[in-house]
Amino acid sequence: MPKIGVLFNDIKPVACRMAQELEETLSQEGYEVCVRSSQSGLLGYSQSDQLPNPTPMDALIPEGFDQSMAFCIVLGGDGTVLAACRQIAALEMPILTVNTGHMGFLTETYVNQLPHAIAEVQAGNCMIEERSMLSVQVYRQETLLWQALCLNEMVLHREPLTSMCHFEIKIGHHAPVDIAADGVILSTPTGSTAYSLSAGGPVLTPDVPVLQLMPICPHSLASRALVFSETDPVQIFPATPNPMVMVVDGNGGCPVLPQDRVWVERSPYSARFIRLQSPEFFRILREKLGWGLPHIAKPTSVELP
């Protein structure tokens, strides 16, 4: 029998209970099961007064996880999925995501459907959908200060967020541009339905090989979202004397000083999601975000008073 991994959000009682039940059930069926918390995938925030000590991106792999695993079951909400993708990206392991949270935009199935979902995966009645990830690094001169893998987006802004500042941004071989805004969002197609969407950016289907740059509250009528090839690396220089804060996937980041630069490129690793049926992105948009819902039909005739 193959080896199966389980990553769960250990602050959610439902996920904790399901992880224990899964370990018992799968072990009785003869599988070798490795159960670990998703907490090591959470980034945390580095402090400006700490010495640089960047964690290697492939050092987040949970103890006991390796490439011999058939797949990994992730129990939690979208935040848990984001953390799990960072933890096992280097193993290129497919994940079956189970929603024990609220929105569950990135999850594939629910707790009450999990036994059926596992049976379908074991029978090979599934497919793998790959999602692009980003490699985010912060440099001071040539010294690497901080780095992380990112599935949704990287956000760079001032604190307080309402203070406008300037960003000098260079995309690929193109000439640098200056953007005046409260901040900037650099997102993958997966992240186009997250913070970028709330900031007014377009929705991108996950299979499009592009990245998106979205200014936050830009101070210009001409400053809008830019979509470009994911093969182009991005350099961001904070063209302001005030410190900034970088946040990755909404749960961690680091300070960025005026002399620093941020380097972002497509990661060689991808998130690999197990899909029990052919991915239907528009259905997910409709169910989770209410996009494309039919309007109530207008009456064919109106009686005048």
C-alpha atoms as a PDB file:
ATOM      1  CA  MET A   1       0.000   0.000   0.000  1.00  0.00           C
ATOM      2  CA  PRO A   2       1.286   3.525  -0.772  1.00  0.00           C
ATOM      3  CA  LYS A   3       2.072   6.249   1.711  1.00  0.00           C
ATOM      4  CA  ILE A   4      -0.436   9.078   2.215  1.00  0.00           C
ATOM      5  CA  GLY A   5       0.146  12.444   3.872  1.00  0.00           C
ATOM      6  CA  VAL A   6      -2.373  14.467   5.868  1.00  0.00           C
ATOM      7  CA  LEU A   7      -1.939  18.180   6.633  1.00  0.00           C
ATOM      8  CA  PHE A   8      -4.507  19.849   8.868  1.00  0.00           C
ATOM      9  CA  ASN A   9      -5.277  23.128  10.587  1.00  0.00           C
ATOM     10  CA  ASP A  10      -4.637  22.273  14.222  1.00  0.00           C
ATOM     11  CA  ILE A  11      -6.616  25.240  15.567  1.00  0.00           C
ATOM     12  CA  LYS A  12      -9.864  23.969  14.025  1.00  0.00           C
ATOM     13  CA  PRO A  13     -11.577  21.208  16.053  1.00  0.00           C
ATOM     14  CA  VAL A  14     -13.250  19.730  12.961  1.00  0.00           C
ATOM     15  CA  ALA A  15      -9.920  19.430  11.139  1.00  0.00           C
ATOM     16  CA  CYS A  16      -8.248  17.890  14.210  1.00  0.00           C
ATOM     17  CA  ARG A  17     -10.997  15.305  14.578  1.00  0.00           C
ATOM     18  CA  MET A  18     -10.967  14.455  10.890  1.00  0.00           C
ATOM     19  CA  ALA A  19      -7.175  14.082  10.873  1.00  0.00           C
ATOM     20  CA  GLN A  20      -7.345  11.563  13.721  1.00  0.00           C
ATOM     21  CA  GLU A  21     -10.182   9.625  12.074  1.00  0.00           C
ATOM     22  CA  LEU A  22      -8.352   9.600   8.752  1.00  0.00           C
ATOM     23  CA  GLU A  23      -5.187   8.255  10.315  1.00  0.00           C
ATOM     24  CA  GLU A  24      -7.100   5.422  12.005  1.00  0.00           C
ATOM     25  CA  THR A  25      -9.192   4.546   8.930  1.00  0.00           C
ATOM     26  CA  LEU A  26      -6.379   4.611   6.383  1.00  0.00           C
ATOM     27  CA  SER A  27      -4.013   2.730   8.698  1.00  0.00           C
ATOM     28  CA  GLN A  28      -6.615  -0.035   9.084  1.00  0.00           C
ATOM     29  CA  GLU A  29      -6.756  -0.261   5.295  1.00  0.00           C
ATOM     30  CA  GLY A  30      -2.999  -0.870   5.232  1.00  0.00           C
ATOM     31  CA  TYR A  31      -1.779   2.580   4.226  1.00  0.00           C
ATOM     32  CA  GLU A  32       1.214   4.236   5.820  1.00  0.00           C
ATOM     33  CA  VAL A  33      -0.156   7.573   7.019  1.00  0.00           C
ATOM     34  CA  CYS A  34       1.875  10.640   7.995  1.00  0.00           C
ATOM     35  CA  VAL A  35      -0.177  13.319   9.792  1.00  0.00           C
ATOM     36  CA  ARG A  36       1.287  16.782  10.359  1.00  0.00           C
ATOM     37  CA  SER A  37       0.060  20.297  11.168  1.00  0.00           C
ATOM     38  CA  SER A  38       0.005  22.969   8.455  1.00  0.00           C
ATOM     39  CA  GLN A  39       1.474  25.532  10.864  1.00  0.00           C
ATOM     40  CA  SER A  40       5.019  25.292   9.470  1.00  0.00           C
ATOM     41  CA  GLY A  41       3.662  26.600   6.169  1.00  0.00           C
ATOM     42  CA  LEU A  42       2.565  29.856   7.793  1.00  0.00           C
ATOM     43  CA  LEU A  43       5.150  32.523   7.089  1.00  0.00           C
ATOM     44  CA  GLY A  44       5.025  34.854  10.065  1.00  0.00           C
ATOM     45  CA  TYR A  45       6.523  38.333   9.985  1.00  0.00           C
ATOM     46  CA  SER A  46      10.206  39.131  10.191  1.00  0.00           C
ATOM     47  CA  GLN A  47      11.364  42.188  12.115  1.00  0.00           C
ATOM     48  CA  SER A  48      13.561  44.964  10.769  1.00  0.00           C
ATOM     49  CA  ASP A  49      15.935  44.714  13.742  1.00  0.00           C
ATOM     50  CA  GLN A  50      16.667  41.008  13.174  1.00  0.00           C
ATOM     51  CA  LEU A  51      19.673  39.740  11.264  1.00  0.00           C
ATOM     52  CA  PRO A  52      18.874  38.260   7.830  1.00  0.00           C
ATOM     53  CA  ASN A  53      18.103  34.565   8.139  1.00  0.00           C
ATOM     54  CA  PRO A  54      15.954  33.587   5.168  1.00  0.00           C
ATOM     55  CA  THR A  55      14.392  30.137   5.339  1.00  0.00           C
ATOM     56  CA  PRO A  56      15.077  28.074   2.185  1.00  0.00           C
ATOM     57  CA  MET A  57      11.874  27.513   0.243  1.00  0.00           C
ATOM     58  CA  ASP A  58      12.381  23.730   0.256  1.00  0.00           C
ATOM     59  CA  ALA A  59      12.997  23.633   4.035  1.00  0.00           C
ATOM     60  CA  LEU A  60       9.301  23.731   4.948  1.00  0.00           C
ATOM     61  CA  ILE A  61       8.663  20.094   4.036  1.00  0.00           C
ATOM     62  CA  PRO A  62       7.019  18.431   7.080  1.00  0.00           C
ATOM     63  CA  GLU A  63       8.909  15.668   8.838  1.00  0.00           C
ATOM     64  CA  GLY A  64       8.128  12.289   7.309  1.00  0.00           C
ATOM     65  CA  PHE A  65       6.889  13.699   3.993  1.00  0.00           C
ATOM     66  CA  ASP A  66       8.764  12.568   0.884  1.00  0.00           C
ATOM     67  CA  GLN A  67       8.286  11.827  -2.804  1.00  0.00           C
ATOM     68  CA  SER A  68       7.153   8.267  -2.099  1.00  0.00           C
ATOM     69  CA  MET A  69       3.750   9.612  -1.015  1.00  0.00           C
ATOM     70  CA  ALA A  70       0.905   8.988  -3.438  1.00  0.00           C
ATOM     71  CA  PHE A  71      -0.898  12.180  -2.471  1.00  0.00           C
ATOM     72  CA  CYS A  72      -1.672  14.484   0.451  1.00  0.00           C
ATOM     73  CA  ILE A  73      -5.037  15.273   2.040  1.00  0.00           C
ATOM     74  CA  VAL A  74      -5.370  18.873   3.279  1.00  0.00           C
ATOM     75  CA  LEU A  75      -8.004  19.609   5.945  1.00  0.00           C
ATOM     76  CA  GLY A  76      -8.883  23.275   6.470  1.00  0.00           C
ATOM     77  CA  GLY A  77      -9.904  26.432   4.679  1.00  0.00           C
ATOM     78  CA  ASP A  78      -8.161  28.483   2.013  1.00  0.00           C
ATOM     79  CA  GLY A  79      -5.459  29.637   4.431  1.00  0.00           C
ATOM     80  CA  THR A  80      -4.582  26.031   5.228  1.00  0.00           C
ATOM     81  CA  VAL A  81      -4.409  25.221   1.524  1.00  0.00           C
ATOM     82  CA  LEU A  82      -2.039  28.144   0.917  1.00  0.00           C
ATOM     83  CA  ALA A  83       0.203  26.982   3.771  1.00  0.00           C
ATOM     84  CA  ALA A  84       0.144  23.362   2.583  1.00  0.00           C
ATOM     85  CA  CYS A  85       1.141  24.355  -0.938  1.00  0.00           C
ATOM     86  CA  ARG A  86       4.256  26.044   0.442  1.00  0.00           C
ATOM     87  CA  GLN A  87       5.052  23.016   2.610  1.00  0.00           C
ATOM     88  CA  ILE A  88       5.022  20.377  -0.115  1.00  0.00           C
ATOM     89  CA  ALA A  89       5.583  22.324  -3.352  1.00  0.00           C
ATOM     90  CA  ALA A  90       9.156  21.034  -3.619  1.00  0.00           C
ATOM     91  CA  LEU A  91       7.854  17.435  -3.537  1.00  0.00           C
ATOM     92  CA  GLU A  92       5.503  18.083  -6.490  1.00  0.00           C
ATOM     93  CA  MET A  93       2.889  16.099  -4.593  1.00  0.00           C
ATOM     94  CA  PRO A  94      -0.804  16.282  -5.583  1.00  0.00           C
ATOM     95  CA  ILE A  95      -3.172  17.427  -2.850  1.00  0.00           C
ATOM     96  CA  LEU A  96      -6.818  16.631  -2.160  1.00  0.00           C
ATOM     97  CA  THR A  97      -8.259  19.702  -0.447  1.00  0.00           C
ATOM     98  CA  VAL A  98     -11.135  19.306   2.034  1.00  0.00           C
ATOM     99  CA  ASN A  99     -13.077  22.352   3.213  1.00  0.00           C
ATOM    100  CA  THR A 100     -13.481  22.679   6.986  1.00  0.00           C
ATOM    101  CA  GLY A 101     -13.524  26.479   6.810  1.00  0.00           C
ATOM    102  CA  HIS A 102     -15.875  29.091   5.354  1.00  0.00           C
ATOM    103  CA  MET A 103     -15.273  30.236   1.768  1.00  0.00           C
ATOM    104  CA  GLY A 104     -13.262  27.227   0.616  1.00  0.00           C
ATOM    105  CA  PHE A 105     -12.539  28.758  -2.787  1.00  0.00           C
ATOM    106  CA  LEU A 106      -9.471  26.526  -3.257  1.00  0.00           C
ATOM    107  CA  THR A 107     -10.957  23.343  -1.800  1.00  0.00           C
ATOM    108  CA  GLU A 108     -12.278  20.410  -3.812  1.00  0.00           C
ATOM    109  CA  THR A 109     -14.621  18.557  -1.471  1.00  0.00           C
ATOM    110  CA  TYR A 110     -16.307  18.653   1.928  1.00  0.00           C
ATOM    111  CA  VAL A 111     -15.938  16.627   5.111  1.00  0.00           C
ATOM    112  CA  ASN A 112     -19.122  14.608   4.554  1.00  0.00           C
ATOM    113  CA  GLN A 113     -17.938  13.695   1.038  1.00  0.00           C
ATOM    114  CA  LEU A 114     -14.392  12.741   2.003  1.00  0.00           C
ATOM    115  CA  PRO A 115     -14.760   8.904   2.074  1.00  0.00           C
ATOM    116  CA  HIS A 116     -16.182   8.949  -1.454  1.00  0.00           C
ATOM    117  CA  ALA A 117     -13.493  11.393  -2.620  1.00  0.00           C
ATOM    118  CA  ILE A 118     -10.672   9.198  -1.287  1.00  0.00           C
ATOM    119  CA  ALA A 119     -12.208   6.134  -2.965  1.00  0.00           C
ATOM    120  CA  GLU A 120     -12.347   7.998  -6.270  1.00  0.00           C
ATOM    121  CA  VAL A 121      -8.691   9.054  -5.973  1.00  0.00           C
ATOM    122  CA  GLN A 122      -7.629   5.517  -5.073  1.00  0.00           C
ATOM    123  CA  ALA A 123      -9.500   4.220  -8.136  1.00  0.00           C
ATOM    124  CA  GLY A 124      -7.786   6.756 -10.384  1.00  0.00           C
ATOM    125  CA  ASN A 125     -11.024   8.593 -11.163  1.00  0.00           C
ATOM    126  CA  CYS A 126      -9.480  12.038 -10.894  1.00  0.00           C
ATOM    127  CA  MET A 127      -7.184  14.462 -12.653  1.00  0.00           C
ATOM    128  CA  ILE A 128      -4.399  16.853 -11.645  1.00  0.00           C
ATOM    129  CA  GLU A 129      -4.711  20.612 -12.125  1.00  0.00           C
ATOM    130  CA  GLU A 130      -1.475  22.603 -11.850  1.00  0.00           C
ATOM    131  CA  ARG A 131      -1.476  26.172 -10.562  1.00  0.00           C
ATOM    132  CA  SER A 132       1.431  28.616 -10.930  1.00  0.00           C
ATOM    133  CA  MET A 133       3.275  29.793  -7.821  1.00  0.00           C
ATOM    134  CA  LEU A 134       5.577  32.759  -7.264  1.00  0.00           C
ATOM    135  CA  SER A 135       9.031  32.977  -5.747  1.00  0.00           C
ATOM    136  CA  VAL A 136       9.279  36.193  -3.706  1.00  0.00           C
ATOM    137  CA  GLN A 137      12.630  37.495  -2.457  1.00  0.00           C
ATOM    138  CA  VAL A 138      13.766  40.673  -0.702  1.00  0.00           C
ATOM    139  CA  TYR A 139      17.349  41.885  -1.213  1.00  0.00           C
ATOM    140  CA  ARG A 140      19.402  44.593   0.442  1.00  0.00           C
ATOM    141  CA  GLN A 141      22.173  45.261  -2.068  1.00  0.00           C
ATOM    142  CA  GLU A 142      23.179  41.651  -2.862  1.00  0.00           C
ATOM    143  CA  THR A 143      22.173  40.120   0.470  1.00  0.00           C
ATOM    144  CA  LEU A 144      19.044  37.964   0.525  1.00  0.00           C
ATOM    145  CA  LEU A 145      16.938  39.082   3.502  1.00  0.00           C
ATOM    146  CA  TRP A 146      13.726  37.096   3.133  1.00  0.00           C
ATOM    147  CA  GLN A 147      12.031  34.712   0.717  1.00  0.00           C
ATOM    148  CA  ALA A 148       8.820  32.765   0.356  1.00  0.00           C
ATOM    149  CA  LEU A 149       6.681  30.764  -2.022  1.00  0.00           C
ATOM    150  CA  CYS A 150       3.363  32.310  -2.931  1.00  0.00           C
ATOM    151  CA  LEU A 151       0.203  30.887  -4.523  1.00  0.00           C
ATOM    152  CA  ASN A 152      -2.067  33.942  -4.410  1.00  0.00           C
ATOM    153  CA  GLU A 153      -0.296  37.282  -4.261  1.00  0.00           C
ATOM    154  CA  MET A 154       2.478  39.514  -2.980  1.00  0.00           C
ATOM    155  CA  VAL A 155       1.404  42.908  -1.621  1.00  0.00           C
ATOM    156  CA  LEU A 156       3.741  45.838  -0.972  1.00  0.00           C
ATOM    157  CA  HIS A 157       2.396  48.902   0.831  1.00  0.00           C
ATOM    158  CA  ARG A 158       3.155  51.577   3.392  1.00  0.00           C
ATOM    159  CA  GLU A 159       1.920  51.641   6.938  1.00  0.00           C
ATOM    160  CA  PRO A 160      -0.557  53.119   7.428  1.00  0.00           C
ATOM    161  CA  LEU A 161      -2.021  51.729   4.222  1.00  0.00           C
ATOM    162  CA  THR A 162      -3.757  55.017   3.400  1.00  0.00           C
ATOM    163  CA  SER A 163      -0.441  56.800   2.808  1.00  0.00           C
ATOM    164  CA  MET A 164       0.333  57.103  -0.885  1.00  0.00           C
ATOM    165  CA  CYS A 165       3.854  56.365  -2.119  1.00  0.00           C
ATOM    166  CA  HIS A 166       5.800  55.674  -5.312  1.00  0.00           C
ATOM    167  CA  PHE A 167       6.983  52.363  -6.704  1.00  0.00           C
ATOM    168  CA  GLU A 168       9.535  51.939  -9.465  1.00  0.00           C
ATOM    169  CA  ILE A 169       8.695  48.671 -11.188  1.00  0.00           C
ATOM    170  CA  LYS A 170      10.623  46.838 -13.891  1.00  0.00           C
ATOM    171  CA  ILE A 171       8.952  43.923 -15.682  1.00  0.00           C
ATOM    172  CA  GLY A 172      11.215  41.649 -17.720  1.00  0.00           C
ATOM    173  CA  HIS A 173      13.288  43.579 -20.280  1.00  0.00           C
ATOM    174  CA  HIS A 174      10.813  46.477 -20.420  1.00  0.00           C
ATOM    175  CA  ALA A 175      11.637  49.985 -19.261  1.00  0.00           C
ATOM    176  CA  PRO A 176      10.861  50.748 -15.593  1.00  0.00           C
ATOM    177  CA  VAL A 177       7.582  52.476 -14.776  1.00  0.00           C
ATOM    178  CA  ASP A 178       6.606  54.622 -11.798  1.00  0.00           C
ATOM    179  CA  ILE A 179       3.337  53.985 -10.010  1.00  0.00           C
ATOM    180  CA  ALA A 180       1.888  56.316  -7.381  1.00  0.00           C
ATOM    181  CA  ALA A 181      -0.528  54.395  -5.170  1.00  0.00           C
ATOM    182  CA  ASP A 182      -1.218  53.177  -1.641  1.00  0.00           C
ATOM    183  CA  GLY A 183       0.397  49.891  -2.621  1.00  0.00           C
ATOM    184  CA  VAL A 184       0.773  47.307  -5.370  1.00  0.00           C
ATOM    185  CA  ILE A 185      -0.448  43.730  -5.709  1.00  0.00           C
ATOM    186  CA  LEU A 186       1.367  41.164  -7.832  1.00  0.00           C
ATOM    187  CA  SER A 187      -0.820  38.101  -8.242  1.00  0.00           C
ATOM    188  CA  THR A 188      -1.056  34.779 -10.019  1.00  0.00           C
ATOM    189  CA  PRO A 189      -4.253  33.764 -11.865  1.00  0.00           C
ATOM    190  CA  THR A 190      -5.215  31.877  -8.682  1.00  0.00           C
ATOM    191  CA  GLY A 191      -4.769  35.104  -6.707  1.00  0.00           C
ATOM    192  CA  SER A 192      -6.861  37.117  -9.160  1.00  0.00           C
ATOM    193  CA  THR A 193      -9.960  36.077  -7.182  1.00  0.00           C
ATOM    194  CA  ALA A 194      -8.423  37.145  -3.846  1.00  0.00           C
ATOM    195  CA  TYR A 195      -7.112  40.590  -2.796  1.00  0.00           C
ATOM    196  CA  SER A 196      -6.656  41.714  -6.397  1.00  0.00           C
ATOM    197  CA  LEU A 197     -10.352  41.142  -7.088  1.00  0.00           C
ATOM    198  CA  SER A 198     -11.314  43.261  -4.068  1.00  0.00           C
ATOM    199  CA  ALA A 199      -9.026  46.027  -5.376  1.00  0.00           C
ATOM    200  CA  GLY A 200     -10.886  46.069  -8.701  1.00  0.00           C
ATOM    201  CA  GLY A 201      -8.662  43.765 -10.761  1.00  0.00           C
ATOM    202  CA  PRO A 202      -9.904  41.372 -13.445  1.00  0.00           C
ATOM    203  CA  VAL A 203     -10.521  37.681 -12.867  1.00  0.00           C
ATOM    204  CA  LEU A 204      -8.087  35.398 -14.705  1.00  0.00           C
ATOM    205  CA  THR A 205      -8.806  31.763 -15.440  1.00  0.00           C
ATOM    206  CA  PRO A 206      -6.208  29.512 -13.743  1.00  0.00           C
ATOM    207  CA  ASP A 207      -4.865  28.044 -16.991  1.00  0.00           C
ATOM    208  CA  VAL A 208      -3.669  31.383 -18.415  1.00  0.00           C
ATOM    209  CA  PRO A 209       0.164  31.654 -18.129  1.00  0.00           C
ATOM    210  CA  VAL A 210       0.245  35.264 -16.952  1.00  0.00           C
ATOM    211  CA  LEU A 211       0.805  37.433 -13.891  1.00  0.00           C
ATOM    212  CA  GLN A 212      -1.108  40.544 -12.870  1.00  0.00           C
ATOM    213  CA  LEU A 213       0.098  43.852 -11.427  1.00  0.00           C
ATOM    214  CA  MET A 214      -2.644  45.769  -9.615  1.00  0.00           C
ATOM    215  CA  PRO A 215      -2.152  49.233  -8.044  1.00  0.00           C
ATOM    216  CA  ILE A 216      -4.040  49.813  -4.790  1.00  0.00           C
ATOM    217  CA  CYS A 217      -5.951  53.125  -4.930  1.00  0.00           C
ATOM    218  CA  PRO A 218      -3.678  54.645  -7.615  1.00  0.00           C
ATOM    219  CA  HIS A 219      -3.358  58.420  -7.786  1.00  0.00           C
ATOM    220  CA  SER A 220      -3.888  58.496 -11.553  1.00  0.00           C
ATOM    221  CA  LEU A 221      -6.784  57.934 -13.938  1.00  0.00           C
ATOM    222  CA  ALA A 222      -4.384  56.102 -16.254  1.00  0.00           C
ATOM    223  CA  SER A 223      -2.984  53.648 -13.692  1.00  0.00           C
ATOM    224  CA  ARG A 224      -4.806  50.350 -14.096  1.00  0.00           C
ATOM    225  CA  ALA A 225      -4.177  46.624 -13.780  1.00  0.00           C
ATOM    226  CA  LEU A 226      -1.513  45.182 -16.071  1.00  0.00           C
ATOM    227  CA  VAL A 227      -1.471  41.571 -17.242  1.00  0.00           C
ATOM    228  CA  PHE A 228       1.801  40.197 -18.623  1.00  0.00           C
ATOM    229  CA  SER A 229       3.642  36.953 -19.312  1.00  0.00           C
ATOM    230  CA  GLU A 230       4.569  34.829 -16.300  1.00  0.00           C
ATOM    231  CA  THR A 231       8.021  34.324 -17.833  1.00  0.00           C
ATOM    232  CA  ASP A 232       8.891  37.968 -17.070  1.00  0.00           C
ATOM    233  CA  PRO A 233      10.500  38.513 -13.651  1.00  0.00           C
ATOM    234  CA  VAL A 234       9.481  41.612 -11.710  1.00  0.00           C
ATOM    235  CA  GLN A 235      11.677  43.984  -9.708  1.00  0.00           C
ATOM    236  CA  ILE A 236      10.101  46.519  -7.379  1.00  0.00           C
ATOM    237  CA  PHE A 237      12.036  49.411  -5.863  1.00  0.00           C
ATOM    238  CA  PRO A 238      10.316  51.477  -3.138  1.00  0.00           C
ATOM    239  CA  ALA A 239      10.849  55.011  -4.450  1.00  0.00           C
ATOM    240  CA  THR A 240       9.969  56.623  -1.134  1.00  0.00           C
ATOM    241  CA  PRO A 241      11.977  57.491   2.013  1.00  0.00           C
ATOM    242  CA  ASN A 242       9.504  55.675   4.270  1.00  0.00           C
ATOM    243  CA  PRO A 243       9.644  51.968   5.187  1.00  0.00           C
ATOM    244  CA  MET A 244       7.126  49.639   3.568  1.00  0.00           C
ATOM    245  CA  VAL A 245       5.653  46.287   4.478  1.00  0.00           C
ATOM    246  CA  MET A 246       5.462  43.269   2.181  1.00  0.00           C
ATOM    247  CA  VAL A 247       2.772  40.648   2.781  1.00  0.00           C
ATOM    248  CA  VAL A 248       2.644  37.281   1.015  1.00  0.00           C
ATOM    249  CA  ASP A 249      -0.609  35.291   0.753  1.00  0.00           C
ATOM    250  CA  GLY A 250      -2.078  37.393   3.539  1.00  0.00           C
ATOM    251  CA  ASN A 251      -0.255  35.701   6.420  1.00  0.00           C
ATOM    252  CA  GLY A 252       3.375  36.768   6.499  1.00  0.00           C
ATOM    253  CA  GLY A 253       6.046  39.056   5.173  1.00  0.00           C
ATOM    254  CA  CYS A 254       8.755  41.500   6.097  1.00  0.00           C
ATOM    255  CA  PRO A 255       9.675  45.191   6.228  1.00  0.00           C
ATOM    256  CA  VAL A 256      11.079  46.697   3.033  1.00  0.00           C
ATOM    257  CA  LEU A 257      13.346  49.707   3.460  1.00  0.00           C
ATOM    258  CA  PRO A 258      14.099  52.361   0.802  1.00  0.00           C
ATOM    259  CA  GLN A 259      17.434  50.699  -0.071  1.00  0.00           C
ATOM    260  CA  ASP A 260      15.837  47.271  -0.588  1.00  0.00           C
ATOM    261  CA  ARG A 261      14.450  45.664  -3.716  1.00  0.00           C
ATOM    262  CA  VAL A 262      11.823  42.982  -4.211  1.00  0.00           C
ATOM    263  CA  TRP A 263      12.367  40.280  -6.823  1.00  0.00           C
ATOM    264  CA  VAL A 264       9.400  38.179  -7.929  1.00  0.00           C
ATOM    265  CA  GLU A 265       9.329  35.447 -10.570  1.00  0.00           C
ATOM    266  CA  ARG A 266       7.376  32.342 -11.399  1.00  0.00           C
ATOM    267  CA  SER A 267       8.493  29.538  -9.133  1.00  0.00           C
ATOM    268  CA  PRO A 268       9.826  26.292 -10.630  1.00  0.00           C
ATOM    269  CA  TYR A 269       7.327  24.597  -8.301  1.00  0.00           C
ATOM    270  CA  SER A 270       3.611  24.392  -8.992  1.00  0.00           C
ATOM    271  CA  ALA A 271       0.647  23.633  -6.756  1.00  0.00           C
ATOM    272  CA  ARG A 272      -0.925  20.358  -7.924  1.00  0.00           C
ATOM    273  CA  PHE A 273      -4.612  20.009  -7.056  1.00  0.00           C
ATOM    274  CA  ILE A 274      -6.526  16.740  -7.320  1.00  0.00           C
ATOM    275  CA  ARG A 275      -9.805  17.326  -9.139  1.00  0.00           C
ATOM    276  CA  LEU A 276     -12.589  14.754  -8.929  1.00  0.00           C
ATOM    277  CA  GLN A 277     -14.203  16.146 -12.065  1.00  0.00           C
ATOM    278  CA  SER A 278     -13.127  18.341 -14.934  1.00  0.00           C
ATOM    279  CA  PRO A 279     -12.332  21.790 -13.462  1.00  0.00           C
ATOM    280  CA  GLU A 280     -15.170  24.236 -14.123  1.00  0.00           C
ATOM    281  CA  PHE A 281     -13.902  27.631 -13.052  1.00  0.00           C
ATOM    282  CA  PHE A 282     -17.046  29.558 -13.962  1.00  0.00           C
ATOM    283  CA  ARG A 283     -19.135  27.248 -11.762  1.00  0.00           C
ATOM    284  CA  ILE A 284     -16.841  27.998  -8.817  1.00  0.00           C
ATOM    285  CA  LEU A 285     -17.115  31.743  -9.509  1.00  0.00           C
ATOM    286  CA  ARG A 286     -20.886  31.436  -9.518  1.00  0.00           C
ATOM    287  CA  GLU A 287     -21.143  29.312  -6.364  1.00  0.00           C
ATOM    288  CA  LYS A 288     -18.515  31.134  -4.278  1.00  0.00           C
ATOM    289  CA  LEU A 289     -18.669  34.724  -5.563  1.00  0.00           C
ATOM    290  CA  GLY A 290     -22.096  34.952  -7.201  1.00  0.00           C
ATOM    291  CA  TRP A 291     -20.687  35.731 -10.667  1.00  0.00           C
ATOM    292  CA  GLY A 292     -23.001  35.220 -13.646  1.00  0.00           C
ATOM    293  CA  LEU A 293     -26.161  34.410 -11.693  1.00  0.00           C
ATOM    294  CA  PRO A 294     -29.262  34.676 -13.881  1.00  0.00           C
ATOM    295  CA  HIS A 295     -31.410  37.762 -13.463  1.00  0.00           C
ATOM    296  CA  ILE A 296     -35.052  37.497 -12.459  1.00  0.00           C
ATOM    297  CA  ALA A 297     -37.135  37.574 -15.618  1.00  0.00           C
ATOM    298  CA  LYS A 298     -39.065  40.761 -16.280  1.00  0.00           C
ATOM    299  CA  PRO A 299     -42.846  40.415 -16.634  1.00  0.00           C
ATOM    300  CA  THR A 300     -44.024  40.091 -20.235  1.00  0.00           C
ATOM    301  CA  SER A 301     -46.829  42.562 -19.677  1.00  0.00           C
ATOM    302  CA  VAL A 302     -47.515  45.324 -17.213  1.00  0.00           C
ATOM    303  CA  GLU A 303     -51.010  46.418 -16.292  1.00  0.00           C
ATOM    304  CA  LEU A 304     -51.341  50.182 -16.127  1.00  0.00           C
ATOM    305  CA  PRO A 305     -53.353  51.663 -13.265  1.00  0.00           C
END
